[in-house]
Protein backbone atom coordinates (compact mmCIF):
# COMPACT_ATOMS: atom_id res chain seq x y z
CA UNK A 1 -106.89 83.13 -73.18
CA UNK A 2 -105.64 83.83 -69.66
CA UNK A 3 -103.24 86.60 -68.68
CA UNK A 4 -100.69 83.97 -67.60
CA UNK A 5 -100.83 82.32 -71.02
CA UNK A 6 -100.29 85.66 -72.76
CA UNK A 7 -97.28 86.38 -70.55
CA UNK A 8 -95.83 82.94 -71.26
CA UNK A 9 -96.28 83.39 -75.02
CA UNK A 10 -94.67 86.83 -74.95
CA UNK A 11 -91.73 85.50 -72.95
CA UNK A 12 -91.14 82.56 -75.31
CA UNK A 13 -91.41 84.81 -78.39
CA UNK A 14 -88.67 87.10 -77.07
CA UNK A 15 -86.43 84.34 -75.73
CA UNK A 16 -82.96 83.93 -77.18
CA UNK A 17 -82.33 80.76 -79.24
CA UNK A 18 -81.05 77.82 -77.24
CA UNK A 19 -77.28 77.50 -77.54
CA UNK A 20 -75.98 74.74 -79.81
CA UNK A 21 -72.59 74.85 -78.06
CA UNK A 22 -71.80 71.87 -75.78
CA UNK A 23 -72.25 72.48 -72.02
CA UNK A 24 -68.53 72.14 -71.26
CA UNK A 25 -67.48 74.60 -73.98
CA UNK A 26 -66.80 78.35 -73.86
CA UNK A 27 -68.99 80.44 -76.17
CA UNK A 28 -66.93 83.15 -77.91
CA UNK A 29 -69.42 84.55 -80.46
CA UNK A 30 -73.18 84.33 -80.95
CA UNK A 31 -75.34 85.36 -83.92
CA UNK A 32 -78.93 84.18 -84.11
CA UNK A 33 -78.86 80.44 -83.47
CA UNK A 34 -75.19 80.10 -84.47
CA UNK A 35 -72.27 79.98 -82.06
CA UNK A 36 -68.48 79.98 -82.16
CA UNK A 37 -67.07 78.15 -79.17
CA UNK A 38 -63.86 76.63 -77.86
CA UNK A 39 -63.13 73.32 -76.19
CA UNK A 40 -59.66 73.59 -74.73
CA UNK A 41 -57.50 75.00 -77.53
CA UNK A 42 -59.80 73.80 -80.36
CA UNK A 43 -62.19 76.22 -82.07
CA UNK A 44 -65.61 75.19 -83.40
CA UNK A 45 -68.81 76.69 -84.74
CA UNK A 46 -72.30 75.23 -84.61
CA UNK A 47 -75.74 75.78 -86.09
CA UNK A 48 -78.49 73.49 -84.91
CA UNK A 49 -77.11 69.96 -84.58
CA UNK A 50 -74.21 70.56 -86.98
CA UNK A 51 -70.75 71.32 -85.54
CA UNK A 52 -67.84 72.56 -87.67
CA UNK A 53 -64.15 72.51 -86.73
CA UNK A 54 -62.53 75.91 -87.41
CA UNK A 55 -58.95 75.31 -86.24
CA UNK A 56 -56.82 75.58 -83.14
CA UNK A 57 -56.23 78.60 -80.92
CA UNK A 58 -52.68 77.56 -80.04
CA UNK A 59 -49.90 76.33 -82.30
CA UNK A 60 -49.10 72.64 -81.90
CA UNK A 61 -45.59 72.60 -83.41
CA UNK A 62 -42.62 74.92 -83.07
CA UNK A 63 -42.35 76.01 -86.73
CA UNK A 64 -44.49 76.77 -88.59
CA UNK A 65 -46.92 77.08 -85.70
CA UNK A 66 -50.49 77.41 -86.98
CA UNK A 67 -53.29 78.99 -84.99
CA UNK A 68 -56.51 80.95 -85.43
CA UNK A 69 -56.04 84.56 -84.35
CA UNK A 70 -59.30 86.16 -85.55
CA UNK A 71 -62.81 84.76 -85.99
CA UNK A 72 -66.19 86.20 -86.90
CA UNK A 73 -69.78 85.00 -87.20
CA UNK A 74 -73.03 86.11 -88.87
CA UNK A 75 -75.97 83.72 -88.60
CA UNK A 76 -75.11 80.78 -90.94
CA UNK A 77 -71.59 81.95 -91.90
CA UNK A 78 -68.33 81.97 -89.96
CA UNK A 79 -64.82 82.98 -90.95
CA UNK A 80 -61.37 82.67 -89.43
CA UNK A 81 -57.90 84.09 -89.95
CA UNK A 82 -55.23 81.42 -89.50
CA UNK A 83 -51.57 82.38 -89.20
CA UNK A 84 -48.51 80.23 -89.79
CA UNK A 85 -45.48 81.48 -87.85
CA UNK A 86 -42.12 80.42 -89.22
CA UNK A 87 -38.55 81.67 -88.81
CA UNK A 88 -38.67 85.41 -89.61
CA UNK A 89 -41.96 84.94 -91.48
CA UNK A 90 -45.64 85.29 -90.71
CA UNK A 91 -48.24 84.09 -93.23
CA UNK A 92 -51.99 84.53 -92.91
CA UNK A 93 -54.97 82.82 -94.58
CA UNK A 94 -58.70 83.56 -94.30
CA UNK A 95 -61.37 80.86 -94.63
CA UNK A 96 -65.14 81.21 -95.07
CA UNK A 97 -67.45 78.49 -93.67
CA UNK A 98 -71.12 77.68 -94.28
CA UNK A 99 -72.36 76.38 -90.94
CA UNK A 100 -75.58 74.95 -92.40
CA UNK A 101 -73.53 72.38 -94.33
CA UNK A 102 -70.38 72.39 -92.18
CA UNK A 103 -68.16 73.04 -95.18
CA UNK A 104 -65.33 75.46 -95.93
CA UNK A 105 -66.61 77.47 -98.91
CA UNK A 106 -63.39 79.27 -99.83
CA UNK A 107 -59.94 80.30 -98.59
CA UNK A 108 -57.50 83.01 -99.66
CA UNK A 109 -54.14 84.47 -98.60
CA UNK A 110 -54.56 87.59 -96.50
CA UNK A 111 -52.71 89.75 -99.08
CA UNK A 112 -51.21 89.58 -102.52
CA UNK A 113 -47.73 87.93 -102.51
CA UNK A 114 -45.11 89.71 -100.42
CA UNK A 115 -42.23 88.74 -102.78
CA UNK A 116 -39.71 88.90 -99.93
CA UNK A 117 -37.94 86.13 -98.05
CA UNK A 118 -38.61 87.63 -94.60
CA UNK A 119 -42.21 88.79 -94.91
CA UNK A 120 -44.99 89.40 -92.42
CA UNK A 121 -48.63 89.15 -93.49
CA UNK A 122 -51.50 89.60 -91.04
CA UNK A 123 -55.20 90.51 -90.91
CA UNK A 124 -56.23 93.61 -88.99
CA UNK A 125 -60.02 93.37 -89.44
CA UNK A 126 -62.33 90.49 -90.40
CA UNK A 127 -66.12 90.49 -90.91
CA UNK A 128 -68.74 88.39 -92.71
CA UNK A 129 -72.26 89.45 -93.63
CA UNK A 130 -75.50 87.45 -93.46
CA UNK A 131 -75.39 86.57 -97.16
CA UNK A 132 -71.95 84.96 -97.10
CA UNK A 133 -69.57 87.72 -98.19
CA UNK A 134 -66.35 87.87 -96.18
CA UNK A 135 -64.39 91.14 -96.03
CA UNK A 136 -60.99 91.68 -94.45
CA UNK A 137 -58.07 94.08 -94.25
CA UNK A 138 -54.64 92.54 -94.80
CA UNK A 139 -51.33 94.11 -93.80
CA UNK A 140 -48.09 93.18 -95.60
CA UNK A 141 -44.53 94.14 -94.60
CA UNK A 142 -41.01 92.72 -94.91
CA UNK A 143 -37.57 93.03 -93.40
CA UNK A 144 -35.81 95.96 -95.08
CA UNK A 145 -38.98 97.84 -95.99
CA UNK A 146 -40.04 100.83 -93.95
CA UNK A 147 -43.68 101.08 -95.05
CA UNK A 148 -46.41 98.46 -94.73
CA UNK A 149 -48.98 97.89 -97.47
CA UNK A 150 -52.67 97.54 -96.59
CA UNK A 151 -55.22 95.69 -98.74
CA UNK A 152 -59.00 95.39 -98.55
CA UNK A 153 -60.46 92.15 -99.96
CA UNK A 154 -63.83 90.43 -100.27
CA UNK A 155 -64.40 86.69 -100.66
CA UNK A 156 -67.48 84.63 -101.49
CA UNK A 157 -67.88 80.95 -102.28
CA UNK A 158 -67.07 81.66 -105.94
CA UNK A 159 -64.64 84.56 -106.19
CA UNK A 160 -62.16 86.79 -104.37
CA UNK A 161 -61.64 90.49 -105.17
CA UNK A 162 -59.03 93.04 -104.15
CA UNK A 163 -61.03 96.20 -103.46
CA UNK A 164 -58.40 98.72 -102.36
CA UNK A 165 -54.69 98.89 -101.59
CA UNK A 166 -52.19 101.48 -100.41
CA UNK A 167 -49.49 102.38 -97.92
CA UNK A 168 -51.95 104.37 -95.81
CA UNK A 169 -53.78 102.53 -93.05
CA UNK A 170 -57.14 101.05 -94.09
CA UNK A 171 -59.56 100.65 -91.19
CA UNK A 172 -63.12 101.22 -89.91
CA UNK A 173 -64.43 98.51 -92.24
CA UNK A 174 -68.18 97.84 -92.20
CA UNK A 175 -69.70 95.04 -94.29
CA UNK A 176 -73.49 94.93 -94.71
CA UNK A 177 -75.68 92.68 -96.88
CA UNK A 178 -75.40 95.02 -99.89
CA UNK A 179 -72.55 97.46 -99.14
CA UNK A 180 -68.95 97.55 -97.93
CA UNK A 181 -67.41 100.73 -96.52
CA UNK A 182 -63.97 101.64 -95.17
CA UNK A 183 -61.64 104.52 -94.48
CA UNK A 184 -58.08 105.38 -95.53
CA UNK A 185 -56.51 106.89 -92.41
CA UNK A 186 -58.34 110.10 -91.52
CA UNK A 187 -59.82 110.48 -95.03
CA UNK A 188 -63.49 110.30 -95.99
CA UNK A 189 -65.40 107.03 -95.76
CA UNK A 190 -65.58 105.16 -99.04
CA UNK A 191 -68.11 102.50 -100.02
CA UNK A 192 -69.05 100.07 -102.79
CA UNK A 193 -72.11 97.97 -103.54
CA UNK A 194 -71.79 94.24 -103.00
CA UNK A 195 -73.31 91.88 -105.55
CA UNK A 196 -75.27 89.02 -103.99
CA UNK A 197 -73.16 85.84 -103.80
CA UNK A 198 -73.82 83.45 -106.70
């Protein structure tokens, strides 16, 4: 085998996967062969020849205006946080997608119910691992309350679990194939084991 052949083989072995995003699109995230991309204000993800609509990046009506504000990607899984902005309200929903089938596996509100007429629910962090577990931090507040509540959740195709909640800030979330870790404010890092999705 010639030296040129060896160089060519080495180059092809280390080459990045060809992008599945259309030429006229803007790639926003990449993980392995998967991509999240936008075409105008519309958000999509792709894996191979399959393309999945994830939502819109700009609201199309005055109230409630819906748009995707956060998105994440890990190989065959993508997830988005979609907010609905009404009059003195802000609601937030997370959705997990399997890009190999192009289907939405599960959705959940960003927090437990606010139980207030003028409430504001948002997601501060969003991440999905390579086995299809979505983790996020939700923040809930309302007019007339001085302290926000933070919640840490996980979601798979079959179940959703509230992991931690409190009035202290939850952040520094890291989700791996078998563990989830986070921090309450300046406190020590906490972690749990994640069961494989069913």
